[in-house]
Structures are given as C-alpha cells and as structure tokens.
Protein backbone atom coordinates (compact mmCIF):
# COMPACT_ATOMS: atom_id res chain seq x y z
CA MET A 1 -37.07 -41.09 -58.75
CA ASN A 2 -38.56 -38.49 -56.64
CA PRO A 3 -38.41 -39.43 -53.15
CA THR A 4 -41.24 -37.55 -51.82
CA PHE A 5 -43.85 -39.43 -53.54
CA HIS A 6 -44.78 -43.01 -54.31
CA GLN A 7 -44.11 -43.60 -58.00
CA SER A 8 -45.89 -45.90 -60.24
CA ILE A 9 -44.32 -48.37 -62.53
CA PRO A 10 -45.17 -46.74 -65.77
CA LYS A 11 -43.09 -43.64 -64.69
CA ALA A 12 -40.44 -45.90 -63.49
CA SER A 13 -40.54 -47.65 -66.93
CA SER A 14 -40.36 -44.28 -68.80
CA GLU A 15 -37.40 -43.15 -67.00
CA ALA A 16 -35.52 -46.59 -67.12
CA VAL A 17 -35.69 -46.21 -71.04
CA THR A 18 -32.96 -43.56 -70.52
CA GLY A 19 -30.54 -45.96 -68.99
CA LEU A 20 -29.88 -47.96 -65.74
CA GLU A 21 -32.70 -46.80 -63.14
CA LEU A 22 -30.99 -45.15 -60.18
CA ILE A 23 -32.32 -46.10 -56.73
CA ASP A 24 -32.02 -43.52 -54.15
CA ALA A 25 -30.87 -44.71 -50.71
CA GLU A 26 -32.46 -41.84 -48.86
CA ALA A 27 -35.99 -42.56 -50.24
CA ASP A 28 -37.44 -43.44 -46.97
CA SER A 29 -36.32 -40.17 -45.38
CA LEU A 30 -38.74 -37.73 -43.91
CA PRO A 31 -38.45 -34.62 -44.69
CA ALA A 32 -37.16 -35.66 -47.98
CA PRO A 33 -33.43 -34.98 -48.81
CA ARG A 34 -33.15 -32.09 -51.11
CA PRO A 35 -30.19 -31.51 -53.49
CA PRO A 36 -27.90 -28.73 -52.86
CA GLU A 37 -28.65 -25.56 -54.29
CA LEU A 38 -26.09 -24.76 -56.82
CA ARG A 39 -25.69 -21.14 -57.70
CA SER A 40 -23.62 -21.50 -61.06
CA ARG A 41 -23.32 -23.57 -64.09
CA ALA A 42 -19.63 -23.95 -62.92
CA ALA A 43 -20.37 -25.53 -59.55
CA ARG A 44 -22.84 -27.90 -61.09
CA ILE A 45 -20.10 -29.13 -63.69
CA VAL A 46 -17.92 -29.49 -60.77
CA LEU A 47 -20.24 -31.78 -58.75
CA GLY A 48 -21.16 -33.95 -61.87
CA ALA A 49 -17.25 -34.29 -62.53
CA GLY A 50 -16.81 -35.34 -58.76
CA LEU A 51 -19.69 -38.07 -59.12
CA VAL A 52 -18.41 -39.37 -62.35
CA LEU A 53 -14.93 -39.57 -61.02
CA ILE A 54 -15.94 -41.13 -57.90
CA ALA A 55 -17.60 -43.84 -60.05
CA PHE A 56 -14.42 -44.29 -62.03
CA ASN A 57 -12.54 -45.40 -58.83
CA LEU A 58 -15.21 -48.11 -57.66
CA ARG A 59 -13.88 -50.93 -59.79
CA SER A 60 -10.14 -50.58 -60.04
CA LEU A 61 -9.61 -52.63 -56.95
CA PHE A 62 -10.83 -55.69 -58.57
CA SER A 63 -9.08 -55.69 -62.14
CA SER A 64 -5.82 -54.21 -60.84
CA LEU A 65 -5.35 -57.29 -58.67
CA SER A 66 -6.47 -59.73 -61.37
CA VAL A 67 -3.94 -58.62 -63.79
CA LEU A 68 -1.19 -59.20 -61.24
CA LEU A 69 -2.48 -62.05 -59.20
CA PRO A 70 0.15 -64.54 -60.67
CA GLU A 71 2.98 -62.22 -59.59
CA VAL A 72 1.49 -61.53 -56.03
CA MET A 73 1.01 -65.33 -55.49
CA GLN A 74 4.50 -65.85 -56.67
CA ALA A 75 6.27 -63.04 -54.58
CA THR A 76 4.24 -63.72 -51.34
CA GLY A 77 3.96 -67.48 -51.39
CA LEU A 78 -0.18 -67.01 -51.57
CA SER A 79 -1.54 -70.41 -52.44
CA ALA A 80 -4.58 -70.76 -54.69
CA ALA A 81 -6.72 -70.85 -51.92
CA GLY A 82 -5.34 -67.74 -50.38
CA ALA A 83 -5.56 -66.10 -53.73
CA SER A 84 -9.30 -67.20 -53.86
CA LEU A 85 -9.88 -65.71 -50.66
CA LEU A 86 -8.29 -62.30 -51.74
CA THR A 87 -10.45 -61.99 -54.76
CA THR A 88 -13.61 -62.87 -52.82
CA LEU A 89 -13.01 -60.62 -49.89
CA PRO A 90 -14.04 -57.28 -51.55
CA VAL A 91 -17.10 -58.83 -53.26
CA LEU A 92 -18.26 -60.03 -49.90
CA CYS A 93 -17.70 -56.67 -48.31
CA LEU A 94 -20.24 -55.39 -51.09
CA GLY A 95 -22.73 -57.45 -49.60
CA LEU A 96 -21.96 -57.16 -45.88
CA PHE A 97 -21.76 -53.46 -45.84
CA ALA A 98 -24.34 -52.28 -48.44
CA PRO A 99 -27.23 -52.34 -45.72
CA PHE A 100 -25.22 -49.91 -43.66
CA ALA A 101 -24.90 -47.04 -46.43
CA PRO A 102 -28.73 -45.72 -46.25
CA ARG A 103 -28.46 -45.63 -42.51
CA LEU A 104 -25.26 -43.45 -42.65
CA ALA A 105 -26.67 -41.25 -45.20
CA GLN A 106 -29.70 -40.69 -43.29
CA ARG A 107 -27.82 -39.85 -40.14
CA PHE A 108 -24.87 -37.90 -41.56
CA GLY A 109 -26.01 -37.02 -45.13
CA ALA A 110 -25.25 -38.73 -48.49
CA GLU A 111 -22.37 -36.40 -49.26
CA ARG A 112 -20.46 -36.55 -45.88
CA THR A 113 -20.87 -40.48 -46.07
CA LEU A 114 -19.54 -40.63 -49.38
CA LEU A 115 -16.57 -38.50 -48.32
CA GLY A 116 -15.71 -40.87 -45.45
CA ALA A 117 -15.97 -43.83 -47.99
CA LEU A 118 -13.36 -42.15 -50.19
CA VAL A 119 -11.18 -41.64 -47.46
CA LEU A 120 -11.37 -45.20 -46.76
CA LEU A 121 -10.74 -46.38 -50.35
CA ALA A 122 -7.74 -44.22 -50.57
CA LEU A 123 -6.26 -45.74 -47.42
CA GLY A 124 -7.29 -49.14 -48.50
CA THR A 125 -5.80 -49.00 -51.82
CA GLY A 126 -2.69 -47.22 -50.71
CA LEU A 127 -1.86 -49.63 -47.86
CA ARG A 128 -1.39 -52.08 -50.81
CA TRP A 129 1.93 -50.81 -51.26
CA PHE A 130 3.49 -52.86 -48.31
CA GLU A 131 4.25 -56.37 -49.37
CA SER A 132 2.52 -57.94 -46.48
CA VAL A 133 -0.06 -60.63 -46.93
CA PRO A 134 -1.94 -59.80 -43.78
CA LEU A 135 -2.02 -55.98 -44.54
CA LEU A 136 -2.94 -57.00 -48.22
CA PHE A 137 -6.06 -58.57 -46.85
CA ALA A 138 -6.81 -55.72 -44.36
CA ALA A 139 -6.29 -53.22 -47.18
CA THR A 140 -8.66 -54.96 -49.34
CA PHE A 141 -11.39 -55.31 -46.65
CA LEU A 142 -11.15 -51.45 -46.06
CA ALA A 143 -11.62 -50.71 -49.73
CA GLY A 144 -14.35 -53.37 -50.19
CA ALA A 145 -16.39 -51.75 -47.37
CA ALA A 146 -15.72 -48.31 -49.05
CA ILE A 147 -16.96 -49.56 -52.56
CA ALA A 148 -19.85 -51.05 -50.99
CA ILE A 149 -21.06 -47.52 -49.64
CA GLY A 150 -20.14 -45.85 -52.92
CA ASN A 151 -22.22 -48.48 -54.70
CA VAL A 152 -25.35 -47.73 -52.86
CA LEU A 153 -25.09 -43.97 -52.40
CA LEU A 154 -23.51 -42.65 -55.65
CA PRO A 155 -26.67 -43.62 -57.97
CA GLY A 156 -29.03 -41.75 -55.48
CA LEU A 157 -26.75 -38.70 -55.53
CA VAL A 158 -26.48 -38.81 -59.40
CA LYS A 159 -30.40 -39.02 -59.50
CA ARG A 160 -31.22 -36.59 -57.00
CA ASP A 161 -28.88 -33.76 -58.06
CA PHE A 162 -29.42 -34.25 -61.75
CA ALA A 163 -32.89 -35.12 -62.16
CA ASP A 164 -33.05 -32.86 -65.33
CA LYS A 165 -30.17 -34.70 -66.85
CA VAL A 166 -30.83 -38.27 -65.98
CA ALA A 167 -30.21 -39.74 -69.40
CA LEU A 168 -26.61 -38.04 -69.73
CA MET A 169 -25.49 -38.59 -66.08
CA THR A 170 -26.58 -42.32 -66.09
CA GLY A 171 -24.72 -42.92 -69.25
CA LEU A 172 -21.49 -41.19 -67.82
CA TYR A 173 -21.94 -42.97 -64.43
CA THR A 174 -22.10 -46.17 -66.24
CA MET A 175 -19.15 -45.63 -68.69
CA ALA A 176 -17.13 -44.29 -65.59
CA LEU A 177 -17.56 -47.55 -63.73
CA CYS A 178 -16.51 -49.66 -66.93
CA ALA A 179 -13.74 -47.26 -67.77
CA GLY A 180 -12.22 -47.44 -64.16
CA SER A 181 -12.14 -51.43 -64.55
CA ALA A 182 -10.96 -51.30 -67.93
CA ALA A 183 -8.17 -48.81 -67.11
CA ALA A 184 -6.90 -50.87 -64.24
CA ALA A 185 -6.82 -53.93 -66.24
CA GLY A 186 -4.94 -52.10 -69.14
CA LEU A 187 -2.57 -49.93 -67.27
CA THR A 188 -1.58 -51.79 -63.95
CA LEU A 189 1.17 -53.64 -65.62
CA PRO A 190 2.61 -50.82 -67.56
CA ILE A 191 2.79 -48.89 -64.25
CA GLU A 192 4.67 -51.60 -62.64
CA HIS A 193 7.20 -51.60 -65.43
CA LEU A 194 7.49 -48.09 -66.06
CA ILE A 195 6.98 -46.20 -62.71
CA THR A 196 6.94 -48.09 -59.60
CA GLY A 197 8.93 -51.32 -60.44
CA SER A 198 7.09 -53.50 -58.08
CA TRP A 199 3.51 -55.24 -58.16
CA SER A 200 2.81 -53.69 -54.79
CA GLY A 201 3.40 -50.10 -55.89
CA ALA A 202 1.36 -50.88 -59.15
CA LEU A 203 -1.73 -51.97 -56.90
CA ALA A 204 -1.13 -48.82 -54.65
CA ALA A 205 -0.98 -46.34 -57.45
CA TRP A 206 -4.50 -46.66 -57.91
CA ALA A 207 -4.95 -44.59 -54.69
CA VAL A 208 -3.88 -41.70 -56.57
CA PRO A 209 -6.96 -40.87 -58.59
CA VAL A 210 -9.16 -41.70 -55.47
CA LEU A 211 -7.10 -38.67 -53.62
CA VAL A 212 -7.74 -36.56 -56.65
CA VAL A 213 -11.40 -37.10 -56.44
CA LEU A 214 -11.19 -36.88 -52.62
CA LEU A 215 -9.81 -33.27 -53.00
CA ILE A 216 -12.56 -32.43 -55.50
CA TRP A 217 -15.23 -33.89 -53.15
CA ILE A 218 -14.22 -32.25 -49.84
CA PRO A 219 -15.92 -28.70 -50.70
CA GLN A 220 -18.89 -30.64 -52.03
CA ALA A 221 -19.43 -32.62 -48.72
CA LEU A 222 -18.44 -30.03 -46.34
CA GLY A 223 -20.51 -27.27 -48.07
CA SER A 224 -23.61 -29.12 -48.14
CA ARG A 225 -25.94 -28.61 -44.99
CA GLN A 226 -26.25 -31.62 -42.73
CA LEU A 227 -29.50 -33.37 -43.40
CA VAL A 228 -31.77 -34.10 -40.34
CA SER A 229 -33.86 -36.76 -41.30
CA HIS A 230 -35.63 -40.03 -39.99
CA ARG A 231 -36.99 -42.94 -41.44
CA GLY A 232 -40.42 -41.84 -42.76
CA PHE A 233 -41.39 -45.27 -44.20
CA ARG A 234 -40.90 -48.93 -43.71
CA VAL A 235 -41.61 -51.68 -46.15
CA VAL A 236 -43.43 -54.83 -45.08
CA GLY A 237 -43.61 -58.29 -46.80
CA LEU A 238 -40.48 -58.08 -48.99
CA TRP A 239 -38.39 -60.70 -47.45
CA ARG A 240 -41.21 -63.22 -47.51
CA ASP A 241 -42.17 -62.58 -51.13
CA ARG A 242 -40.96 -65.33 -53.69
CA LEU A 243 -40.64 -62.92 -56.63
CA ALA A 244 -38.41 -60.56 -54.60
CA TRP A 245 -36.02 -63.57 -53.91
CA GLN A 246 -35.96 -64.33 -57.68
CA VAL A 247 -34.91 -60.79 -58.31
CA THR A 248 -32.22 -60.95 -55.61
CA LEU A 249 -31.01 -64.51 -56.64
CA PHE A 250 -30.95 -63.09 -60.30
CA MET A 251 -28.84 -60.25 -59.11
CA GLY A 252 -26.52 -62.45 -56.86
CA LEU A 253 -25.91 -65.23 -59.59
CA GLN A 254 -25.01 -62.93 -62.55
CA SER A 255 -22.78 -60.76 -60.19
CA ALA A 256 -21.21 -64.01 -59.29
CA LEU A 257 -20.36 -64.68 -63.02
CA ALA A 258 -19.26 -60.97 -63.14
CA TYR A 259 -16.81 -61.22 -60.30
CA CYS A 260 -15.45 -64.25 -61.59
CA ILE A 261 -14.51 -62.14 -64.80
CA PHE A 262 -13.17 -59.28 -62.64
CA GLY A 263 -11.09 -61.65 -60.51
CA TRP A 264 -9.93 -64.24 -62.84
CA LEU A 265 -10.26 -63.57 -66.51
CA ALA A 266 -6.57 -62.23 -66.68
CA PRO A 267 -5.24 -65.38 -65.01
CA ILE A 268 -7.15 -67.52 -67.31
CA LEU A 269 -5.97 -65.77 -70.34
CA ARG A 270 -2.42 -66.09 -69.09
CA GLU A 271 -2.76 -69.75 -68.56
CA ARG A 272 -3.87 -70.09 -72.06
CA GLY A 273 -0.57 -68.59 -73.31
CA PHE A 274 -1.19 -64.78 -73.52
CA ASP A 275 1.44 -62.44 -71.81
CA ALA A 276 0.37 -60.42 -69.05
CA ALA A 277 0.05 -57.16 -71.07
CA THR A 278 -1.96 -58.70 -73.60
CA ALA A 279 -4.37 -60.40 -70.90
CA GLY A 280 -4.82 -57.14 -69.52
CA VAL A 281 -5.77 -55.39 -72.80
CA LEU A 282 -8.31 -58.11 -73.56
CA VAL A 283 -9.83 -57.83 -70.10
CA SER A 284 -10.16 -54.03 -70.80
CA VAL A 285 -11.75 -54.51 -74.03
CA SER A 286 -14.31 -57.07 -72.62
CA VAL A 287 -15.09 -54.61 -69.84
CA MET A 288 -15.43 -51.55 -72.00
CA THR A 289 -17.86 -53.69 -74.21
CA GLN A 290 -20.19 -53.88 -71.34
CA VAL A 291 -20.99 -50.06 -71.61
CA VAL A 292 -22.91 -50.89 -74.99
CA THR A 293 -25.33 -53.44 -73.49
CA CYS A 294 -25.35 -51.57 -70.28
CA LEU A 295 -26.99 -48.54 -71.98
CA ALA A 296 -29.07 -50.31 -74.67
CA VAL A 297 -30.63 -53.25 -72.63
CA PRO A 298 -32.83 -51.00 -70.21
CA SER A 299 -34.29 -49.34 -73.18
CA PHE A 300 -35.16 -52.42 -74.84
CA ALA A 301 -36.34 -54.33 -71.72
CA VAL A 302 -38.91 -51.91 -70.70
CA ARG A 303 -40.74 -52.08 -73.87
CA LEU A 304 -41.13 -55.77 -73.70
CA LYS A 305 -44.23 -57.54 -72.55
CA ASP A 306 -41.83 -59.05 -69.81
CA GLN A 307 -38.17 -59.56 -69.50
CA ARG A 308 -38.06 -63.53 -69.29
CA VAL A 309 -36.69 -63.99 -72.95
CA ILE A 310 -34.01 -61.30 -72.84
CA ASN A 311 -32.87 -62.45 -69.30
CA VAL A 312 -32.30 -66.00 -70.58
CA ALA A 313 -30.77 -65.08 -74.04
CA LEU A 314 -28.21 -62.70 -72.26
CA VAL A 315 -26.91 -65.42 -69.89
CA VAL A 316 -26.70 -67.87 -72.68
CA VAL A 317 -24.50 -65.42 -74.64
CA ALA A 318 -22.46 -64.76 -71.34
CA VAL A 319 -21.85 -68.41 -70.50
CA ILE A 320 -20.96 -69.56 -74.13
CA ALA A 321 -18.77 -66.70 -74.39
CA LEU A 322 -16.93 -67.86 -71.25
CA LEU A 323 -16.64 -71.49 -72.44
CA GLY A 324 -15.16 -69.96 -75.87
CA ILE A 325 -12.57 -68.12 -73.66
CA LEU A 326 -11.53 -71.45 -72.02
CA PHE A 327 -11.58 -73.72 -74.85
CA ALA A 328 -11.85 -72.05 -78.34
CA PRO A 329 -8.38 -71.48 -80.41
CA THR A 330 -6.74 -68.45 -78.83
CA SER A 331 -6.77 -66.76 -82.21
CA THR A 332 -10.67 -66.08 -81.61
CA VAL A 333 -10.33 -65.06 -77.98
CA LEU A 334 -10.96 -61.29 -78.80
CA PHE A 335 -14.10 -62.31 -80.22
CA TRP A 336 -15.08 -64.14 -77.22
CA ALA A 337 -13.98 -61.37 -74.85
CA VAL A 338 -16.26 -59.04 -76.68
CA LEU A 339 -19.16 -61.15 -76.65
CA GLN A 340 -18.85 -62.04 -73.03
CA GLY A 341 -18.77 -58.30 -72.23
CA ILE A 342 -22.01 -57.97 -74.24
CA GLY A 343 -23.69 -60.66 -72.35
CA GLN A 344 -22.31 -59.66 -68.96
CA GLY A 345 -23.10 -55.96 -69.47
CA GLY A 346 -26.63 -56.75 -70.39
CA LEU A 347 -27.12 -59.20 -67.40
CA ILE A 348 -25.93 -56.35 -65.03
CA ALA A 349 -28.28 -53.81 -66.62
CA ALA A 350 -31.21 -56.34 -66.49
CA ALA A 351 -30.74 -56.87 -63.03
CA MET A 352 -30.80 -53.37 -62.01
CA THR A 353 -33.93 -52.61 -64.31
CA LEU A 354 -35.76 -55.50 -62.81
CA ILE A 355 -35.57 -53.79 -59.30
CA VAL A 356 -37.49 -50.96 -60.55
CA LEU A 357 -39.96 -52.84 -62.78
CA ARG A 358 -40.81 -55.38 -59.97
CA SER A 359 -41.42 -52.52 -57.30
CA PRO A 360 -44.70 -50.90 -57.06
CA ASP A 361 -43.19 -47.67 -55.52
CA SER A 362 -39.87 -45.75 -55.02
CA HIS A 363 -39.80 -47.07 -51.21
CA VAL A 364 -40.17 -50.52 -52.17
CA ALA A 365 -37.69 -50.01 -55.00
CA ALA A 366 -35.04 -48.65 -52.42
CA HIS A 367 -35.63 -51.84 -50.17
CA LEU A 368 -35.44 -54.21 -52.97
CA SER A 369 -32.34 -52.63 -54.10
CA GLY A 370 -31.03 -53.13 -50.78
CA MET A 371 -32.00 -56.70 -50.32
CA ALA A 372 -30.54 -57.56 -53.73
CA GLN A 373 -27.19 -56.03 -53.10
CA GLY A 374 -27.00 -57.32 -49.61
CA VAL A 375 -27.96 -60.94 -50.21
CA GLY A 376 -26.72 -60.99 -53.95
CA TYR A 377 -23.19 -59.61 -53.36
CA VAL A 378 -22.86 -62.10 -50.36
CA LEU A 379 -23.94 -64.91 -52.78
CA ALA A 380 -21.66 -63.51 -55.65
CA ALA A 381 -18.60 -63.80 -53.38
CA PHE A 382 -18.72 -67.70 -53.77
CA GLY A 383 -18.17 -67.22 -57.60
CA PRO A 384 -14.43 -66.10 -57.69
CA LEU A 385 -13.80 -68.08 -54.37
CA LEU A 386 -14.91 -71.44 -56.28
CA VAL A 387 -12.91 -70.27 -59.48
CA GLY A 388 -9.64 -70.20 -57.45
CA LEU A 389 -10.39 -73.16 -55.41
CA ILE A 390 -11.20 -75.30 -58.77
CA ARG A 391 -7.85 -74.04 -60.13
CA GLY A 392 -6.07 -75.08 -57.06
CA TRP A 393 -7.74 -78.64 -57.00
CA THR A 394 -7.28 -79.40 -60.63
CA GLY A 395 -4.28 -77.50 -61.45
CA SER A 396 -6.02 -75.74 -64.53
CA PHE A 397 -8.86 -73.45 -65.00
CA SER A 398 -10.67 -75.91 -67.44
CA GLY A 399 -12.81 -77.32 -64.59
CA THR A 400 -14.41 -73.88 -63.91
CA ALA A 401 -16.47 -74.67 -67.10
CA PHE A 402 -18.87 -76.57 -64.84
CA LEU A 403 -19.14 -73.77 -62.34
CA PHE A 404 -19.94 -71.41 -65.30
CA VAL A 405 -22.73 -73.57 -66.67
CA ALA A 406 -23.86 -74.17 -63.21
CA LEU A 407 -23.98 -70.50 -62.56
CA GLY A 408 -25.70 -69.77 -66.01
CA LEU A 409 -28.30 -72.26 -65.40
CA GLY A 410 -29.19 -70.63 -61.89
CA VAL A 411 -29.19 -67.12 -63.58
CA ALA A 412 -31.36 -68.41 -66.21
CA VAL A 413 -34.03 -69.97 -64.05
CA MET A 414 -34.20 -66.91 -61.61
CA GLY A 415 -34.13 -64.49 -64.51
CA PHE A 416 -37.08 -66.30 -66.11
CA GLY A 417 -39.00 -66.04 -62.59
CA ALA A 418 -38.01 -62.44 -62.05
CA GLY A 419 -38.87 -61.46 -65.66
CA ARG A 420 -42.44 -61.99 -65.22
CA ALA A 421 -44.63 -58.75 -65.35
CA LEU A 422 -45.74 -58.82 -61.85
CA HIS A 423 -45.04 -56.76 -58.73
CA VAL A 424 -43.47 -58.05 -55.63
CA GLY A 425 -46.11 -58.41 -52.88
CA ALA A 426 -44.53 -55.86 -50.46
CA ARG A 427 -45.80 -52.22 -49.58
CA ALA A 428 -44.43 -49.15 -47.87
CA VAL A 429 -46.36 -48.02 -44.84
CA PRO A 430 -45.60 -44.87 -42.45
CA ALA A 431 -42.85 -45.77 -39.90
CA ASP A 432 -45.47 -45.39 -37.33
CA GLY A 433 -48.19 -47.50 -39.10
CA GLN A 434 -49.32 -50.89 -38.54
CA GLY A 435 -48.22 -52.91 -41.48
C-alpha cells in the first residue's frame, strides 16, 4: 500500500491475493515516510530477518503462560478469577495501546518506536522470572503494551521496506507469528524440566529470543534517519458508520475466540486427561495449522463476489472444532485441534482482509485498522476472562461451550454484515480541510 496516494479497492484486492494485506500505520503522514536506503543485498537480508524475528516474538507471551497456567495457579495460590485476569490483561493491552502506535511512529519514526517496544517486551518477559503475583501482572502489562505497538507497526514496515517482495514477506511474517506461538506452547514445559527447573524461569526464558532480535534491530533503528512528519490527512465519518462497526465487531469477536484458544486450550486439554507436554504439542499443532488458512483465505476471499459465505463457514468450522475438543472422544482431539486451527486461522485472515476490502483508500484503511484493533481487542479481552470465570464457577470447562457458541453466533452475524461488497461511509480529507 503506497502511503503517498489514495488507493482504490481493485488495487487493494489484487495485492490481498498475495496474502494478508498489510496496513501502514504511517499512511497519514506528510511527507510520506520513505524506506531506508539499503546499499547491499546483505543489509536487506538482515533487515528482513529482523522483521521476521520480531514477529516471532509477538505471541510467545500468550501460549507460554497457557501451558504452565495450572502450575502458576498452584504455586502462587492464584484463584480462577485471578488466572482469568492474568490471561486477559495482555489482550486488553492490545486494544488500549494500539491507538498510540501510529502517533509514536509519526513522532519518533517506526524503527525507533519498534526498538522501544522490543525493550519493553524483553523487560516484561524477563520480569516473569520473579515468583511474585503483583510483579507477574506488572510484567504482563508491560509486555502486552509492547506487543500492541508491534502489532500495529510491524506490518507497515514489512509493506514499506519490501514492496517488491510483498508475497514472500507477508508469508514469512504470518508464519513467524504462528511459529512463535507454537514454539512457546511446545517448548515451555521442556525448558522448565531441562533448563530452568521452575515455571517462572521457563516463562522468563522467552526474553532470550527478544534480546537476540533487539541486538539485531538496534543498528536498523539507530541507523535510520529520523522522520519529520505530521498528520497530513484525517478521516471523517468512520465512527458513525454501521459497516465500520460490523468490521470492528467481526474483528473483536473472532479475536475473543482466538485468545480463548491462546489462553485456555492447554488447560482445557489437561482437564480432559492429557499431560502437560502432550497438551502443549496439541496447541502447537493447532496454531501452526492456522498458517495454511492465513495464507489461503485472502487469495480466495477477494475473488468472491462478497465474503459473507466464507465468513460464516469459517466460524462454523472453528466453533464445531472447539465443541469437539471439549466433548469428543480424546482419541479424536488431534483432528479437532487441526480443524480448529483451520477455522481460526481463516477467521483472522478474513478479518484483516475485510479491513482493506471495505475501505475506499489507504488512509481510511489505516484508520479502520486502528478502530478494529483498538475496539476489537478490548472486546476480545472478555473472551479469556469469561472462560476462566466459567471454570471457576462451575468447576470444569464444559460450561464454556455456551460461551463459544454465543461468540460464534456473534462472529457469524457480524461477518455476514461485514462481508457485503460495500465501502464504509468514511473519507480522507486534508488535515486542514473542512470534512
């Protein structure tokens, strides 16, 4: 998405065929941000590797805690309600801090802002070493804020600096997100048993890959020239538009389902009789399966007349799979875990694609993305919170089936509305214009 001119939906659609469309958080800046001038192929490889490694670290916070949550609760005396708040806090941060990322990028430059986010992420992740409940909450808050900034800025950097390799970089970016989550789910328990000897050390160990990418990113951030930019455009009419709210609620409700999986799938599997290591592997398989539909759904969805049918079909698959994980024979759980990954990965991709397809130009797309993430992630935070509360009230996870079905119905209704082949009734005007 070229931030220097308005972009039509046909162009956006053609680019979305290559994978998840990437929204540039600096799209409203004048003069338009320029990518750094890379003098060698080696320098470009280092930059690309840095971006992919950053993506790898944006999900490990969630799944690493999920695998060890029963141990954390037992060791700290944390109640089911407290565990619910702990799993909800980083998701809430995604919504609360996402709106600040574009402003920070426009003031300090995206590279430097992302460097600061990596410092916060390393600090927040590392502080989990101390077996203190208040510090665990504080660390989760810091790391969640950092992830929120990375969520918003990283896709725009990928798009800006690799405009000629969008398909490749989008695929690598998407796979890195899933790989980081899957690695944390599958390796946290072995790290505890073989290396650290404690749950807190295993959680804090995920600061190590953050520190590695931080060292790689420092030259990129400090070597880029500071951007002197200002808000060149503003978008009017977005927050009063019904379609924009349907896109936002579709994003938020499907994210609620997704973070229920990130936060509670491993404890659900352990309650069904799987040991911790097997539960972690099953979560890893489910998350990695998301890669397939993350990459396939956008190219398929943009070729359709509208996206209503595919949105509803994906949520049906995701919810049925969740019910299978809860109630089907344990011998079939691997099948349901894979199926859930297919449905959930497709929903994530569909939500991101709709932001572009429902926007008339790049400036509206950037603002709709901010609205969908800001409101959507705050809404999504209630998903894992309610799962934990239901577990505490009823003594089992069986009652969460009602929550999953209710969320699924909401996703289907909003996805049907957001899938219509329309544009939101908002437009970009010069910052000094009279909307």
